[in-house]
Amino acid sequence: MLQPLFHIEAENIETTDLRLCRLLIVVDADSLSYVLLNIENMQPLCVKYFQFNQIRGRLQEEILREIIFGDEMLSRKVNETLVVYNLAESTLVPEVFFDKRSDKEFINLAYGNLDKGLVVSEKIPWWDIYNVYRLPIEVHQLLEYKFPDAKKWHYYSLLLKSYKKFSASDKTENIAIVFCEAKMILSVYKKGQLQLLQSFFYEGAKDVLYHLLNCCRQLNMSQQEVSLQISGFIEKQSLVYNELAKYFLNISFDETGDSITKTALLDEYPLHYFSTLLKMAACV
């Protein structure tokens, strides 16, 4: 079985009653991650991250099947399970223009109609926005079979909901960046209003810088005044961070706030690695 790239687990979790816990699983094209959160004291008990690029020549659903049926923690009884799809084929539609009958037209207009995946939509909590997105049918069916009672969300939807709960401000211009493997997710806000939410693939620091500078130029945001809030897999000593620091004055690493109980469990890795995942689990 594929071994996790990161595995953080509380002591004695094997004998812990998990029926007070919320399991949040995030699936994208290249990885699966999950967090087990005790919803009584908001304390994380387990965090795992699997990276698929270690395996070549296998379909995504094959790798997912091996993980979700082979990982003992994913077979234990919990209070509730949430499956979150971190997939790029998503379009945000203002509520005033949304029509359920036009879901496929929205997606086909943005991404073409060659992909015959399942198109679904959801109202984003606390926003007057709908998220319309397309799922690979085989992956969706596999997760439905394994987690039949799970609630399903798109990553963008929970990203926006957690922003309202943890980070919303009506006074600043800010860009939240989640760094994934070879991909970053930008959400751009002006006075608390969403300006852009999009995934960008990158190969190096110059790609990251180009996308950020282009966003600032297109949205008339000042590099000197905008705040960058960074989470995901990035180090302060990295080339990416050093390039950003040359052009942006206000850079901070994401935190989880007081809503999540910080324990020694989270000291093994930088907190911003998992802050977005933890906040999503806390705000559902």
C-alpha atoms as a PDB file:
ATOM      1  CA  MET A   1       0.000   0.000   0.000  1.00  0.00           C
ATOM      2  CA  LEU A   2       1.110   3.568  -0.727  1.00  0.00           C
ATOM      3  CA  GLN A   3       2.679   5.093   2.381  1.00  0.00           C
ATOM      4  CA  PRO A   4       1.637   8.605   3.492  1.00  0.00           C
ATOM      5  CA  LEU A   5       4.053  11.445   2.938  1.00  0.00           C
ATOM      6  CA  PHE A   6       2.886  12.948   6.245  1.00  0.00           C
ATOM      7  CA  HIS A   7       1.329  11.010   9.112  1.00  0.00           C
ATOM      8  CA  ILE A   8       0.555  12.714  12.419  1.00  0.00           C
ATOM      9  CA  GLU A   9      -1.411  10.725  14.974  1.00  0.00           C
ATOM     10  CA  ALA A  10      -2.368  11.100  18.614  1.00  0.00           C
ATOM     11  CA  GLU A  11      -1.205   8.490  21.106  1.00  0.00           C
ATOM     12  CA  ASN A  12      -3.661   5.727  21.961  1.00  0.00           C
ATOM     13  CA  ILE A  13      -5.873   6.606  19.006  1.00  0.00           C
ATOM     14  CA  GLU A  14      -6.429   2.882  18.423  1.00  0.00           C
ATOM     15  CA  THR A  15      -8.465   2.707  21.635  1.00  0.00           C
ATOM     16  CA  THR A  16     -10.122   6.122  21.287  1.00  0.00           C
ATOM     17  CA  ASP A  17     -13.873   6.296  20.640  1.00  0.00           C
ATOM     18  CA  LEU A  18     -14.058   8.206  17.361  1.00  0.00           C
ATOM     19  CA  ARG A  19     -17.820   8.675  17.424  1.00  0.00           C
ATOM     20  CA  LEU A  20     -17.184  12.226  18.642  1.00  0.00           C
ATOM     21  CA  CYS A  21     -15.018  12.942  15.594  1.00  0.00           C
ATOM     22  CA  ARG A  22     -15.437  14.493  12.176  1.00  0.00           C
ATOM     23  CA  LEU A  23     -13.495  12.976   9.299  1.00  0.00           C
ATOM     24  CA  LEU A  24     -12.692  15.337   6.418  1.00  0.00           C
ATOM     25  CA  ILE A  25     -11.134  13.821   3.300  1.00  0.00           C
ATOM     26  CA  VAL A  26      -9.738  15.940   0.456  1.00  0.00           C
ATOM     27  CA  VAL A  27      -9.208  14.329  -2.945  1.00  0.00           C
ATOM     28  CA  ASP A  28      -7.532  15.919  -5.935  1.00  0.00           C
ATOM     29  CA  ALA A  29      -5.870  14.613  -9.082  1.00  0.00           C
ATOM     30  CA  ASP A  30      -2.523  13.962  -7.368  1.00  0.00           C
ATOM     31  CA  SER A  31      -3.206  13.378  -3.684  1.00  0.00           C
ATOM     32  CA  LEU A  32      -5.497  12.389  -0.859  1.00  0.00           C
ATOM     33  CA  SER A  33      -5.364  13.972   2.573  1.00  0.00           C
ATOM     34  CA  TYR A  34      -7.545  13.681   5.610  1.00  0.00           C
ATOM     35  CA  VAL A  35      -7.950  15.065   9.093  1.00  0.00           C
ATOM     36  CA  LEU A  36      -9.753  13.511  12.035  1.00  0.00           C
ATOM     37  CA  LEU A  37     -11.074  16.238  14.328  1.00  0.00           C
ATOM     38  CA  ASN A  38     -12.654  15.749  17.758  1.00  0.00           C
ATOM     39  CA  ILE A  39     -15.649  18.062  17.451  1.00  0.00           C
ATOM     40  CA  GLU A  40     -16.208  18.142  21.212  1.00  0.00           C
ATOM     41  CA  ASN A  41     -12.927  19.895  22.005  1.00  0.00           C
ATOM     42  CA  MET A  42     -11.887  20.803  18.402  1.00  0.00           C
ATOM     43  CA  GLN A  43      -8.673  18.858  18.766  1.00  0.00           C
ATOM     44  CA  PRO A  44      -7.094  17.107  15.755  1.00  0.00           C
ATOM     45  CA  LEU A  45      -6.337  13.438  16.372  1.00  0.00           C
ATOM     46  CA  CYS A  46      -4.919  12.383  13.030  1.00  0.00           C
ATOM     47  CA  VAL A  47      -3.628  14.043   9.860  1.00  0.00           C
ATOM     48  CA  LYS A  48      -2.439  12.089   6.803  1.00  0.00           C
ATOM     49  CA  TYR A  49      -1.313  13.113   3.342  1.00  0.00           C
ATOM     50  CA  PHE A  50      -0.764  10.727   0.422  1.00  0.00           C
ATOM     51  CA  GLN A  51       1.002  11.909  -2.737  1.00  0.00           C
ATOM     52  CA  PHE A  52       0.216   9.974  -5.933  1.00  0.00           C
ATOM     53  CA  ASN A  53       3.205  11.080  -8.013  1.00  0.00           C
ATOM     54  CA  GLN A  54       5.231   8.339  -6.338  1.00  0.00           C
ATOM     55  CA  ILE A  55       3.291   5.869  -8.495  1.00  0.00           C
ATOM     56  CA  ARG A  56       3.416   5.798 -12.281  1.00  0.00           C
ATOM     57  CA  GLY A  57       1.137   4.081 -14.752  1.00  0.00           C
ATOM     58  CA  ARG A  58      -1.879   3.583 -12.486  1.00  0.00           C
ATOM     59  CA  LEU A  59      -5.309   5.170 -12.677  1.00  0.00           C
ATOM     60  CA  GLN A  60      -6.357   7.609  -9.978  1.00  0.00           C
ATOM     61  CA  GLU A  61      -9.314   5.468  -8.908  1.00  0.00           C
ATOM     62  CA  GLU A  62      -7.026   2.433  -8.466  1.00  0.00           C
ATOM     63  CA  ILE A  63      -4.735   4.346  -6.128  1.00  0.00           C
ATOM     64  CA  LEU A  64      -7.684   5.800  -4.223  1.00  0.00           C
ATOM     65  CA  ARG A  65      -9.243   2.362  -3.830  1.00  0.00           C
ATOM     66  CA  GLU A  66      -6.023   1.000  -2.342  1.00  0.00           C
ATOM     67  CA  ILE A  67      -5.814   3.865   0.157  1.00  0.00           C
ATOM     68  CA  ILE A  68      -9.419   4.131   1.314  1.00  0.00           C
ATOM     69  CA  PHE A  69      -9.891   0.386   1.723  1.00  0.00           C
ATOM     70  CA  GLY A  70      -6.395  -0.235   3.109  1.00  0.00           C
ATOM     71  CA  ASP A  71      -6.163   2.587   5.660  1.00  0.00           C
ATOM     72  CA  GLU A  72      -7.544   1.263   8.951  1.00  0.00           C
ATOM     73  CA  MET A  73      -8.507   4.719  10.218  1.00  0.00           C
ATOM     74  CA  LEU A  74     -10.845   5.257   7.262  1.00  0.00           C
ATOM     75  CA  SER A  75     -12.871   2.195   8.246  1.00  0.00           C
ATOM     76  CA  ARG A  76     -13.598   3.250  11.818  1.00  0.00           C
ATOM     77  CA  LYS A  77     -16.947   4.675  12.901  1.00  0.00           C
ATOM     78  CA  VAL A  78     -17.029   8.464  13.240  1.00  0.00           C
ATOM     79  CA  ASN A  79     -19.712  11.037  13.940  1.00  0.00           C
ATOM     80  CA  GLU A  80     -19.680  12.392  10.394  1.00  0.00           C
ATOM     81  CA  THR A  81     -17.642  12.156   7.214  1.00  0.00           C
ATOM     82  CA  LEU A  82     -17.059  14.828   4.592  1.00  0.00           C
ATOM     83  CA  VAL A  83     -15.559  14.213   1.170  1.00  0.00           C
ATOM     84  CA  VAL A  84     -14.074  17.310  -0.464  1.00  0.00           C
ATOM     85  CA  TYR A  85     -13.132  17.422  -4.148  1.00  0.00           C
ATOM     86  CA  ASN A  86     -10.172  19.670  -4.919  1.00  0.00           C
ATOM     87  CA  LEU A  87     -10.634  19.693  -8.688  1.00  0.00           C
ATOM     88  CA  ALA A  88     -10.002  22.554 -11.074  1.00  0.00           C
ATOM     89  CA  GLU A  89     -13.131  22.151 -13.222  1.00  0.00           C
ATOM     90  CA  SER A  90     -15.232  24.463 -11.126  1.00  0.00           C
ATOM     91  CA  THR A  91     -17.003  27.700 -11.946  1.00  0.00           C
ATOM     92  CA  LEU A  92     -18.566  30.133  -9.484  1.00  0.00           C
ATOM     93  CA  VAL A  93     -21.955  31.568 -10.415  1.00  0.00           C
ATOM     94  CA  PRO A  94     -23.597  34.516  -8.611  1.00  0.00           C
ATOM     95  CA  GLU A  95     -26.873  33.412  -7.061  1.00  0.00           C
ATOM     96  CA  VAL A  96     -28.904  35.894  -9.140  1.00  0.00           C
ATOM     97  CA  PHE A  97     -27.726  34.170 -12.347  1.00  0.00           C
ATOM     98  CA  PHE A  98     -27.861  30.586 -11.151  1.00  0.00           C
ATOM     99  CA  ASP A  99     -30.258  28.107 -12.730  1.00  0.00           C
ATOM    100  CA  LYS A 100     -29.941  24.432 -11.800  1.00  0.00           C
ATOM    101  CA  ARG A 101     -31.014  23.440 -15.300  1.00  0.00           C
ATOM    102  CA  SER A 102     -27.961  25.196 -16.728  1.00  0.00           C
ATOM    103  CA  ASP A 103     -25.276  23.394 -14.680  1.00  0.00           C
ATOM    104  CA  LYS A 104     -23.798  21.555 -17.653  1.00  0.00           C
ATOM    105  CA  GLU A 105     -23.876  24.667 -19.817  1.00  0.00           C
ATOM    106  CA  PHE A 106     -21.902  26.600 -17.184  1.00  0.00           C
ATOM    107  CA  ILE A 107     -19.194  23.915 -17.041  1.00  0.00           C
ATOM    108  CA  ASN A 108     -19.088  23.258 -20.776  1.00  0.00           C
ATOM    109  CA  LEU A 109     -18.735  26.957 -21.474  1.00  0.00           C
ATOM    110  CA  ALA A 110     -15.726  27.205 -19.145  1.00  0.00           C
ATOM    111  CA  TYR A 111     -14.013  23.861 -19.813  1.00  0.00           C
ATOM    112  CA  GLY A 112     -15.498  22.351 -22.982  1.00  0.00           C
ATOM    113  CA  ASN A 113     -17.694  19.300 -23.356  1.00  0.00           C
ATOM    114  CA  LEU A 114     -15.188  16.531 -24.081  1.00  0.00           C
ATOM    115  CA  ASP A 115     -15.206  15.368 -20.456  1.00  0.00           C
ATOM    116  CA  LYS A 116     -18.427  13.456 -19.696  1.00  0.00           C
ATOM    117  CA  GLY A 117     -18.051  13.526 -15.932  1.00  0.00           C
ATOM    118  CA  LEU A 118     -20.785  14.139 -13.384  1.00  0.00           C
ATOM    119  CA  VAL A 119     -21.783  17.823 -13.081  1.00  0.00           C
ATOM    120  CA  VAL A 120     -23.068  18.927  -9.671  1.00  0.00           C
ATOM    121  CA  SER A 121     -23.683  22.240  -7.944  1.00  0.00           C
ATOM    122  CA  GLU A 122     -23.923  23.568  -4.408  1.00  0.00           C
ATOM    123  CA  LYS A 123     -24.747  26.821  -2.664  1.00  0.00           C
ATOM    124  CA  ILE A 124     -21.674  28.149  -0.862  1.00  0.00           C
ATOM    125  CA  PRO A 125     -22.605  28.840   2.774  1.00  0.00           C
ATOM    126  CA  TRP A 126     -22.494  32.526   3.789  1.00  0.00           C
ATOM    127  CA  TRP A 127     -21.980  33.652   0.177  1.00  0.00           C
ATOM    128  CA  ASP A 128     -24.478  34.562  -2.542  1.00  0.00           C
ATOM    129  CA  ILE A 129     -22.622  32.218  -4.867  1.00  0.00           C
ATOM    130  CA  TYR A 130     -23.153  28.752  -6.312  1.00  0.00           C
ATOM    131  CA  ASN A 131     -20.293  26.427  -7.166  1.00  0.00           C
ATOM    132  CA  VAL A 132     -20.819  24.298 -10.286  1.00  0.00           C
ATOM    133  CA  TYR A 133     -18.214  21.593 -10.850  1.00  0.00           C
ATOM    134  CA  ARG A 134     -17.499  18.381 -12.707  1.00  0.00           C
ATOM    135  CA  LEU A 135     -16.371  15.107 -11.121  1.00  0.00           C
ATOM    136  CA  PRO A 136     -14.730  12.020 -12.640  1.00  0.00           C
ATOM    137  CA  ILE A 137     -17.537   9.464 -12.513  1.00  0.00           C
ATOM    138  CA  GLU A 138     -15.338   6.510 -11.466  1.00  0.00           C
ATOM    139  CA  VAL A 139     -13.798   8.460  -8.579  1.00  0.00           C
ATOM    140  CA  HIS A 140     -17.182   9.745  -7.417  1.00  0.00           C
ATOM    141  CA  GLN A 141     -18.739   6.268  -7.510  1.00  0.00           C
ATOM    142  CA  LEU A 142     -15.830   4.804  -5.549  1.00  0.00           C
ATOM    143  CA  LEU A 143     -16.122   7.395  -2.789  1.00  0.00           C
ATOM    144  CA  GLU A 144     -19.920   7.064  -2.734  1.00  0.00           C
ATOM    145  CA  TYR A 145     -19.545   3.307  -2.226  1.00  0.00           C
ATOM    146  CA  LYS A 146     -16.966   3.624   0.559  1.00  0.00           C
ATOM    147  CA  PHE A 147     -18.594   6.603   2.313  1.00  0.00           C
ATOM    148  CA  PRO A 148     -22.330   6.381   1.441  1.00  0.00           C
ATOM    149  CA  ASP A 149     -23.420   8.736   4.239  1.00  0.00           C
ATOM    150  CA  ALA A 150     -20.729  11.357   3.672  1.00  0.00           C
ATOM    151  CA  LYS A 151     -21.535  14.932   2.812  1.00  0.00           C
ATOM    152  CA  LYS A 152     -19.898  16.053  -0.415  1.00  0.00           C
ATOM    153  CA  TRP A 153     -18.325  19.470  -1.045  1.00  0.00           C
ATOM    154  CA  HIS A 154     -15.980  21.162  -3.433  1.00  0.00           C
ATOM    155  CA  TYR A 155     -12.714  22.517  -2.044  1.00  0.00           C
ATOM    156  CA  TYR A 156     -13.462  26.048  -3.266  1.00  0.00           C
ATOM    157  CA  SER A 157     -16.775  26.096  -1.406  1.00  0.00           C
ATOM    158  CA  LEU A 158     -15.222  25.232   1.949  1.00  0.00           C
ATOM    159  CA  LEU A 159     -12.286  27.539   1.265  1.00  0.00           C
ATOM    160  CA  LEU A 160     -14.710  30.447   0.968  1.00  0.00           C
ATOM    161  CA  LYS A 161     -16.723  29.345   3.982  1.00  0.00           C
ATOM    162  CA  SER A 162     -13.606  29.052   6.157  1.00  0.00           C
ATOM    163  CA  TYR A 163     -12.476  32.486   4.954  1.00  0.00           C
ATOM    164  CA  LYS A 164     -15.706  33.980   6.309  1.00  0.00           C
ATOM    165  CA  LYS A 165     -15.224  32.232   9.644  1.00  0.00           C
ATOM    166  CA  PHE A 166     -11.503  32.801  10.173  1.00  0.00           C
ATOM    167  CA  SER A 167     -10.138  35.590   7.977  1.00  0.00           C
ATOM    168  CA  ALA A 168     -12.837  37.929   6.664  1.00  0.00           C
ATOM    169  CA  SER A 169     -12.037  41.637   6.763  1.00  0.00           C
ATOM    170  CA  ASP A 170     -13.766  44.646   5.229  1.00  0.00           C
ATOM    171  CA  LYS A 171     -10.706  46.894   5.445  1.00  0.00           C
ATOM    172  CA  THR A 172      -7.881  45.162   3.578  1.00  0.00           C
ATOM    173  CA  GLU A 173      -6.929  43.751   0.232  1.00  0.00           C
ATOM    174  CA  ASN A 174      -5.609  40.263   0.617  1.00  0.00           C
ATOM    175  CA  ILE A 175      -4.656  37.168  -1.335  1.00  0.00           C
ATOM    176  CA  ALA A 176      -4.840  33.753   0.282  1.00  0.00           C
ATOM    177  CA  ILE A 177      -2.538  31.174  -1.329  1.00  0.00           C
ATOM    178  CA  VAL A 178      -2.712  27.426  -0.753  1.00  0.00           C
ATOM    179  CA  PHE A 179       0.337  25.629  -2.120  1.00  0.00           C
ATOM    180  CA  CYS A 180      -0.290  22.067  -3.266  1.00  0.00           C
ATOM    181  CA  GLU A 181       1.988  19.791  -5.286  1.00  0.00           C
ATOM    182  CA  ALA A 182       2.814  21.812  -8.452  1.00  0.00           C
ATOM    183  CA  LYS A 183      -0.412  23.783  -8.016  1.00  0.00           C
ATOM    184  CA  MET A 184      -1.463  26.826  -6.058  1.00  0.00           C
ATOM    185  CA  ILE A 185      -4.975  28.014  -5.289  1.00  0.00           C
ATOM    186  CA  LEU A 186      -5.463  31.783  -5.167  1.00  0.00           C
ATOM    187  CA  SER A 187      -8.431  33.473  -3.553  1.00  0.00           C
ATOM    188  CA  VAL A 188      -8.337  37.239  -3.881  1.00  0.00           C
ATOM    189  CA  TYR A 189     -10.435  39.616  -1.768  1.00  0.00           C
ATOM    190  CA  LYS A 190     -11.089  43.342  -1.643  1.00  0.00           C
ATOM    191  CA  LYS A 191     -12.812  44.553   1.507  1.00  0.00           C
ATOM    192  CA  GLY A 192     -14.083  41.046   2.120  1.00  0.00           C
ATOM    193  CA  GLN A 193     -15.531  40.666  -1.385  1.00  0.00           C
ATOM    194  CA  LEU A 194     -14.271  37.844  -3.567  1.00  0.00           C
ATOM    195  CA  GLN A 195     -12.488  38.992  -6.709  1.00  0.00           C
ATOM    196  CA  LEU A 196     -10.966  35.740  -7.944  1.00  0.00           C
ATOM    197  CA  LEU A 197     -10.752  32.075  -6.962  1.00  0.00           C
ATOM    198  CA  GLN A 198      -8.656  29.934  -9.282  1.00  0.00           C
ATOM    199  CA  SER A 199      -6.060  27.163  -9.411  1.00  0.00           C
ATOM    200  CA  PHE A 200      -2.778  27.758 -11.202  1.00  0.00           C
ATOM    201  CA  PHE A 201      -0.212  25.114 -12.068  1.00  0.00           C
ATOM    202  CA  TYR A 202       3.438  26.114 -11.733  1.00  0.00           C
ATOM    203  CA  GLU A 203       6.903  24.655 -12.184  1.00  0.00           C
ATOM    204  CA  GLY A 204       8.989  27.161 -10.276  1.00  0.00           C
ATOM    205  CA  ALA A 205       9.172  30.410  -8.345  1.00  0.00           C
ATOM    206  CA  LYS A 206       8.938  32.600 -11.429  1.00  0.00           C
ATOM    207  CA  ASP A 207       5.615  31.013 -12.417  1.00  0.00           C
ATOM    208  CA  VAL A 208       4.206  31.718  -8.954  1.00  0.00           C
ATOM    209  CA  LEU A 209       5.407  35.293  -9.064  1.00  0.00           C
ATOM    210  CA  TYR A 210       4.012  35.841 -12.564  1.00  0.00           C
ATOM    211  CA  HIS A 211       0.511  34.705 -11.590  1.00  0.00           C
ATOM    212  CA  LEU A 212       0.473  36.855  -8.453  1.00  0.00           C
ATOM    213  CA  LEU A 213       1.766  39.980 -10.175  1.00  0.00           C
ATOM    214  CA  ASN A 214      -0.698  39.450 -12.997  1.00  0.00           C
ATOM    215  CA  CYS A 215      -3.574  39.183 -10.509  1.00  0.00           C
ATOM    216  CA  CYS A 216      -2.505  42.423  -8.845  1.00  0.00           C
ATOM    217  CA  ARG A 217      -2.276  44.186 -12.199  1.00  0.00           C
ATOM    218  CA  GLN A 218      -5.605  42.888 -13.488  1.00  0.00           C
ATOM    219  CA  LEU A 219      -7.438  43.678 -10.240  1.00  0.00           C
ATOM    220  CA  ASN A 220      -5.708  47.012  -9.535  1.00  0.00           C
ATOM    221  CA  MET A 221      -4.139  45.870  -6.276  1.00  0.00           C
ATOM    222  CA  SER A 222      -0.948  47.373  -4.875  1.00  0.00           C
ATOM    223  CA  GLN A 223       1.968  45.024  -4.215  1.00  0.00           C
ATOM    224  CA  GLN A 224       3.000  47.288  -1.340  1.00  0.00           C
ATOM    225  CA  GLU A 225      -0.403  47.186   0.360  1.00  0.00           C
ATOM    226  CA  VAL A 226      -1.892  43.776  -0.411  1.00  0.00           C
ATOM    227  CA  SER A 227      -1.453  41.068   2.231  1.00  0.00           C
ATOM    228  CA  LEU A 228      -0.401  37.564   1.229  1.00  0.00           C
ATOM    229  CA  GLN A 229      -1.596  34.783   3.530  1.00  0.00           C
ATOM    230  CA  ILE A 230       0.270  31.573   2.735  1.00  0.00           C
ATOM    231  CA  SER A 231      -0.599  27.981   3.582  1.00  0.00           C
ATOM    232  CA  GLY A 232       0.208  24.534   2.268  1.00  0.00           C
ATOM    233  CA  PHE A 233       3.551  23.036   1.362  1.00  0.00           C
ATOM    234  CA  ILE A 234       5.960  25.949   1.286  1.00  0.00           C
ATOM    235  CA  GLU A 235       8.949  26.806   3.462  1.00  0.00           C
ATOM    236  CA  LYS A 236      10.166  30.244   4.517  1.00  0.00           C
ATOM    237  CA  GLN A 237      13.639  29.251   3.264  1.00  0.00           C
ATOM    238  CA  SER A 238      12.324  28.208  -0.158  1.00  0.00           C
ATOM    239  CA  LEU A 239      13.078  29.902  -3.464  1.00  0.00           C
ATOM    240  CA  VAL A 240       9.355  30.587  -3.940  1.00  0.00           C
ATOM    241  CA  TYR A 241       9.087  32.463  -0.648  1.00  0.00           C
ATOM    242  CA  ASN A 242      12.289  34.422  -1.309  1.00  0.00           C
ATOM    243  CA  GLU A 243      10.965  35.554  -4.692  1.00  0.00           C
ATOM    244  CA  LEU A 244       7.663  36.647  -3.174  1.00  0.00           C
ATOM    245  CA  ALA A 245       9.459  38.607  -0.460  1.00  0.00           C
ATOM    246  CA  LYS A 246      11.233  40.666  -3.132  1.00  0.00           C
ATOM    247  CA  TYR A 247       7.937  42.003  -4.486  1.00  0.00           C
ATOM    248  CA  PHE A 248       5.437  41.900  -1.608  1.00  0.00           C
ATOM    249  CA  LEU A 249       5.836  43.641   1.739  1.00  0.00           C
ATOM    250  CA  ASN A 250       3.084  41.931   3.749  1.00  0.00           C
ATOM    251  CA  ILE A 251       3.489  38.154   3.850  1.00  0.00           C
ATOM    252  CA  SER A 252       2.306  35.882   6.643  1.00  0.00           C
ATOM    253  CA  PHE A 253       1.869  32.170   7.170  1.00  0.00           C
ATOM    254  CA  ASP A 254      -1.652  30.990   7.861  1.00  0.00           C
ATOM    255  CA  GLU A 255      -2.807  30.165  11.395  1.00  0.00           C
ATOM    256  CA  THR A 256      -5.818  28.270  12.700  1.00  0.00           C
ATOM    257  CA  GLY A 257      -7.000  30.734  15.326  1.00  0.00           C
ATOM    258  CA  ASP A 258      -8.535  29.819  18.668  1.00  0.00           C
ATOM    259  CA  SER A 259     -11.276  27.664  17.159  1.00  0.00           C
ATOM    260  CA  ILE A 260      -8.904  24.711  16.908  1.00  0.00           C
ATOM    261  CA  THR A 261      -7.108  23.348  19.960  1.00  0.00           C
ATOM    262  CA  LYS A 262      -3.370  23.426  19.416  1.00  0.00           C
ATOM    263  CA  THR A 263      -1.573  20.404  20.843  1.00  0.00           C
ATOM    264  CA  ALA A 264       1.899  18.910  20.675  1.00  0.00           C
ATOM    265  CA  LEU A 265       0.528  16.761  17.851  1.00  0.00           C
ATOM    266  CA  LEU A 266       0.831  19.755  15.531  1.00  0.00           C
ATOM    267  CA  ASP A 267       4.431  20.597  16.490  1.00  0.00           C
ATOM    268  CA  GLU A 268       6.005  17.983  14.228  1.00  0.00           C
ATOM    269  CA  TYR A 269       5.473  20.046  11.063  1.00  0.00           C
ATOM    270  CA  PRO A 270       4.817  23.749  10.378  1.00  0.00           C
ATOM    271  CA  LEU A 271       1.194  24.521  11.218  1.00  0.00           C
ATOM    272  CA  HIS A 272       0.552  26.220   7.874  1.00  0.00           C
ATOM    273  CA  TYR A 273       1.047  22.857   6.141  1.00  0.00           C
ATOM    274  CA  PHE A 274      -2.343  21.746   7.448  1.00  0.00           C
ATOM    275  CA  SER A 275      -4.071  24.976   8.527  1.00  0.00           C
ATOM    276  CA  THR A 276      -6.462  25.073   5.574  1.00  0.00           C
ATOM    277  CA  LEU A 277      -7.447  21.444   6.078  1.00  0.00           C
ATOM    278  CA  LEU A 278      -8.011  21.974   9.799  1.00  0.00           C
ATOM    279  CA  LYS A 279     -10.073  25.129   9.288  1.00  0.00           C
ATOM    280  CA  MET A 280     -12.259  23.400   6.736  1.00  0.00           C
ATOM    281  CA  ALA A 281     -12.906  20.584   9.186  1.00  0.00           C
ATOM    282  CA  ALA A 282     -13.725  23.097  11.911  1.00  0.00           C
ATOM    283  CA  CYS A 283     -16.148  25.242   9.946  1.00  0.00           C
ATOM    284  CA  VAL A 284     -18.400  22.607   8.342  1.00  0.00           C
END
